[in-house]
Amino acid sequence: MHKIIVLFLFISLAGMANAQTSMDASVTDLLQSRKLNRVTDSTSQGYRILIYMGNNKNEAMQIKDKVELMFPGFPVYLKFEAPNFKVRVGDFRTRLECQPLFRLLMADFPNLLIVQDRINPPKP
């Protein structure tokens, strides 16, 4: 009887160790994938200035080129989100940071909007 109990305990402990090992491996895999996602996703939530939204690709490209010439220090993004092309400028962490450029763009683009977007934050 004593041998049966010892054998039962041995089998139970071996099974628990195996389950613990597989659980540790899955937790390690999950942590590793989260680290990789953090490294590859360098964007963060912020703001951009929307200067054009419409279905004319040529007009969107012309506006993008014009803004790049006017303000070479700011990134300009052209993105298609069906059914519209959108031209956005800047990578700002706060709405307040957008204001100086927003005021300068108002002269040439009266229908501006400050919109939330995933931004490429400036390097420190």
C-alpha atoms as a PDB file:
ATOM      1  CA  MET A   1       0.000   0.000   0.000  1.00  0.00           C
ATOM      2  CA  HIS A   2       2.841   2.337   0.914  1.00  0.00           C
ATOM      3  CA  LYS A   3       4.498   1.687  -2.483  1.00  0.00           C
ATOM      4  CA  ILE A   4       1.268   2.545  -4.316  1.00  0.00           C
ATOM      5  CA  ILE A   5       0.971   5.902  -2.513  1.00  0.00           C
ATOM      6  CA  VAL A   6       4.617   6.750  -3.227  1.00  0.00           C
ATOM      7  CA  LEU A   7       4.158   5.762  -6.894  1.00  0.00           C
ATOM      8  CA  PHE A   8       0.982   7.872  -7.110  1.00  0.00           C
ATOM      9  CA  LEU A   9       2.752  10.897  -5.582  1.00  0.00           C
ATOM     10  CA  PHE A  10       5.695  10.464  -7.933  1.00  0.00           C
ATOM     11  CA  ILE A  11       3.428  10.352 -11.022  1.00  0.00           C
ATOM     12  CA  SER A  12       1.430  13.372  -9.805  1.00  0.00           C
ATOM     13  CA  LEU A  13       4.551  15.430  -9.149  1.00  0.00           C
ATOM     14  CA  ALA A  14       6.027  14.494 -12.528  1.00  0.00           C
ATOM     15  CA  GLY A  15       2.821  15.613 -14.248  1.00  0.00           C
ATOM     16  CA  MET A  16       2.791  18.893 -12.330  1.00  0.00           C
ATOM     17  CA  ALA A  17       6.415  19.579 -13.236  1.00  0.00           C
ATOM     18  CA  ASN A  18       5.648  18.945 -16.905  1.00  0.00           C
ATOM     19  CA  ALA A  19       2.618  21.258 -16.778  1.00  0.00           C
ATOM     20  CA  GLN A  20       4.689  23.928 -15.016  1.00  0.00           C
ATOM     21  CA  THR A  21       7.407  23.670 -17.680  1.00  0.00           C
ATOM     22  CA  SER A  22       4.922  24.083 -20.543  1.00  0.00           C
ATOM     23  CA  MET A  23       3.238  26.977 -18.730  1.00  0.00           C
ATOM     24  CA  ASP A  24       6.607  28.665 -18.173  1.00  0.00           C
ATOM     25  CA  ALA A  25       7.412  28.272 -21.870  1.00  0.00           C
ATOM     26  CA  SER A  26       4.116  29.832 -22.963  1.00  0.00           C
ATOM     27  CA  VAL A  27       4.540  32.738 -20.536  1.00  0.00           C
ATOM     28  CA  THR A  28       8.081  33.278 -21.806  1.00  0.00           C
ATOM     29  CA  ASP A  29       6.828  33.232 -25.421  1.00  0.00           C
ATOM     30  CA  LEU A  30       4.132  35.787 -24.590  1.00  0.00           C
ATOM     31  CA  LEU A  31       6.596  38.113 -22.890  1.00  0.00           C
ATOM     32  CA  GLN A  32       9.011  37.798 -25.805  1.00  0.00           C
ATOM     33  CA  SER A  33       6.314  38.681 -28.353  1.00  0.00           C
ATOM     34  CA  ARG A  34       5.286  41.729 -26.309  1.00  0.00           C
ATOM     35  CA  LYS A  35       8.914  42.894 -26.241  1.00  0.00           C
ATOM     36  CA  LEU A  36       9.162  42.516 -30.024  1.00  0.00           C
ATOM     37  CA  ASN A  37       5.923  44.459 -30.524  1.00  0.00           C
ATOM     38  CA  ARG A  38       7.215  47.249 -28.325  1.00  0.00           C
ATOM     39  CA  VAL A  39      10.433  47.469 -30.339  1.00  0.00           C
ATOM     40  CA  THR A  40       8.761  47.405 -33.786  1.00  0.00           C
ATOM     41  CA  ASP A  41       5.866  49.720 -32.910  1.00  0.00           C
ATOM     42  CA  SER A  42       7.585  53.023 -32.308  1.00  0.00           C
ATOM     43  CA  THR A  43       4.447  55.087 -32.827  1.00  0.00           C
ATOM     44  CA  SER A  44       2.413  56.682 -30.089  1.00  0.00           C
ATOM     45  CA  GLN A  45      -0.868  58.525 -29.777  1.00  0.00           C
ATOM     46  CA  GLY A  46      -0.661  62.183 -30.731  1.00  0.00           C
ATOM     47  CA  TYR A  47      -1.954  64.811 -33.147  1.00  0.00           C
ATOM     48  CA  ARG A  48      -1.557  65.903 -36.747  1.00  0.00           C
ATOM     49  CA  ILE A  49      -3.052  68.710 -38.783  1.00  0.00           C
ATOM     50  CA  LEU A  50      -5.447  67.493 -41.477  1.00  0.00           C
ATOM     51  CA  ILE A  51      -5.093  69.838 -44.450  1.00  0.00           C
ATOM     52  CA  TYR A  52      -6.907  67.875 -47.170  1.00  0.00           C
ATOM     53  CA  MET A  53      -9.547  65.170 -47.314  1.00  0.00           C
ATOM     54  CA  GLY A  54     -11.107  64.268 -50.653  1.00  0.00           C
ATOM     55  CA  ASN A  55     -11.283  61.680 -53.409  1.00  0.00           C
ATOM     56  CA  ASN A  56      -8.919  63.449 -55.852  1.00  0.00           C
ATOM     57  CA  LYS A  57      -5.488  61.820 -55.653  1.00  0.00           C
ATOM     58  CA  ASN A  58      -3.787  64.412 -57.882  1.00  0.00           C
ATOM     59  CA  GLU A  59      -5.053  67.292 -55.750  1.00  0.00           C
ATOM     60  CA  ALA A  60      -3.901  65.498 -52.587  1.00  0.00           C
ATOM     61  CA  MET A  61      -0.424  64.977 -54.064  1.00  0.00           C
ATOM     62  CA  GLN A  62      -0.190  68.634 -55.138  1.00  0.00           C
ATOM     63  CA  ILE A  63      -1.149  69.820 -51.654  1.00  0.00           C
ATOM     64  CA  LYS A  64       1.354  67.426 -50.085  1.00  0.00           C
ATOM     65  CA  ASP A  65       4.133  68.743 -52.347  1.00  0.00           C
ATOM     66  CA  LYS A  66       3.179  72.361 -51.627  1.00  0.00           C
ATOM     67  CA  VAL A  67       3.280  71.858 -47.860  1.00  0.00           C
ATOM     68  CA  GLU A  68       6.623  70.018 -48.073  1.00  0.00           C
ATOM     69  CA  LEU A  69       8.083  73.015 -49.924  1.00  0.00           C
ATOM     70  CA  MET A  70       6.552  75.562 -47.545  1.00  0.00           C
ATOM     71  CA  PHE A  71       7.523  73.732 -44.329  1.00  0.00           C
ATOM     72  CA  PRO A  72      10.439  71.366 -44.990  1.00  0.00           C
ATOM     73  CA  GLY A  73      10.984  70.724 -41.276  1.00  0.00           C
ATOM     74  CA  PHE A  74       7.627  69.011 -40.802  1.00  0.00           C
ATOM     75  CA  PRO A  75       6.732  65.535 -42.041  1.00  0.00           C
ATOM     76  CA  VAL A  76       3.762  65.395 -44.434  1.00  0.00           C
ATOM     77  CA  TYR A  77       1.696  62.215 -44.789  1.00  0.00           C
ATOM     78  CA  LEU A  78      -0.545  61.189 -47.678  1.00  0.00           C
ATOM     79  CA  LYS A  79      -2.824  58.306 -46.797  1.00  0.00           C
ATOM     80  CA  PHE A  80      -5.735  56.658 -48.569  1.00  0.00           C
ATOM     81  CA  GLU A  81      -8.627  55.693 -46.320  1.00  0.00           C
ATOM     82  CA  ALA A  82     -11.460  54.607 -48.618  1.00  0.00           C
ATOM     83  CA  PRO A  83     -12.990  56.575 -50.212  1.00  0.00           C
ATOM     84  CA  ASN A  84     -10.778  59.578 -49.345  1.00  0.00           C
ATOM     85  CA  PHE A  85      -7.184  60.682 -49.639  1.00  0.00           C
ATOM     86  CA  LYS A  86      -5.980  62.490 -46.543  1.00  0.00           C
ATOM     87  CA  VAL A  87      -3.010  64.819 -46.242  1.00  0.00           C
ATOM     88  CA  ARG A  88      -1.788  65.367 -42.711  1.00  0.00           C
ATOM     89  CA  VAL A  89       1.202  67.271 -41.429  1.00  0.00           C
ATOM     90  CA  GLY A  90       3.301  67.039 -38.285  1.00  0.00           C
ATOM     91  CA  ASP A  91       3.925  64.721 -35.365  1.00  0.00           C
ATOM     92  CA  PHE A  92       2.694  66.513 -32.257  1.00  0.00           C
ATOM     93  CA  ARG A  93       2.266  65.064 -28.770  1.00  0.00           C
ATOM     94  CA  THR A  94      -0.372  67.618 -27.731  1.00  0.00           C
ATOM     95  CA  ARG A  95      -2.957  69.836 -29.394  1.00  0.00           C
ATOM     96  CA  LEU A  96      -1.114  72.834 -28.012  1.00  0.00           C
ATOM     97  CA  GLU A  97       2.046  71.903 -29.934  1.00  0.00           C
ATOM     98  CA  CYS A  98       0.005  72.040 -33.181  1.00  0.00           C
ATOM     99  CA  GLN A  99      -1.130  75.638 -32.749  1.00  0.00           C
ATOM    100  CA  PRO A 100       1.837  77.600 -34.230  1.00  0.00           C
ATOM    101  CA  LEU A 101       1.898  75.537 -37.437  1.00  0.00           C
ATOM    102  CA  PHE A 102      -1.903  75.503 -37.552  1.00  0.00           C
ATOM    103  CA  ARG A 103      -1.947  79.331 -37.594  1.00  0.00           C
ATOM    104  CA  LEU A 104       0.691  79.470 -40.348  1.00  0.00           C
ATOM    105  CA  LEU A 105      -1.191  76.967 -42.521  1.00  0.00           C
ATOM    106  CA  MET A 106      -4.521  78.820 -42.115  1.00  0.00           C
ATOM    107  CA  ALA A 107      -3.516  81.422 -44.709  1.00  0.00           C
ATOM    108  CA  ASP A 108      -3.246  78.829 -47.495  1.00  0.00           C
ATOM    109  CA  PHE A 109      -5.584  76.102 -46.218  1.00  0.00           C
ATOM    110  CA  PRO A 110      -8.646  77.577 -44.477  1.00  0.00           C
ATOM    111  CA  ASN A 111     -10.359  74.226 -43.752  1.00  0.00           C
ATOM    112  CA  LEU A 112      -7.850  72.752 -41.307  1.00  0.00           C
ATOM    113  CA  LEU A 113      -8.533  70.305 -38.514  1.00  0.00           C
ATOM    114  CA  ILE A 114      -6.385  69.030 -35.690  1.00  0.00           C
ATOM    115  CA  VAL A 115      -6.921  65.267 -35.531  1.00  0.00           C
ATOM    116  CA  GLN A 116      -5.743  62.462 -33.281  1.00  0.00           C
ATOM    117  CA  ASP A 117      -3.445  60.009 -35.011  1.00  0.00           C
ATOM    118  CA  ARG A 118      -0.643  57.546 -34.414  1.00  0.00           C
ATOM    119  CA  ILE A 119       2.509  59.651 -34.662  1.00  0.00           C
ATOM    120  CA  ASN A 120       6.217  59.075 -34.954  1.00  0.00           C
ATOM    121  CA  PRO A 121       7.364  60.925 -31.856  1.00  0.00           C
ATOM    122  CA  PRO A 122      10.390  63.158 -32.269  1.00  0.00           C
ATOM    123  CA  LYS A 123      13.656  61.701 -31.037  1.00  0.00           C
ATOM    124  CA  PRO A 124      14.791  63.201 -27.694  1.00  0.00           C
END
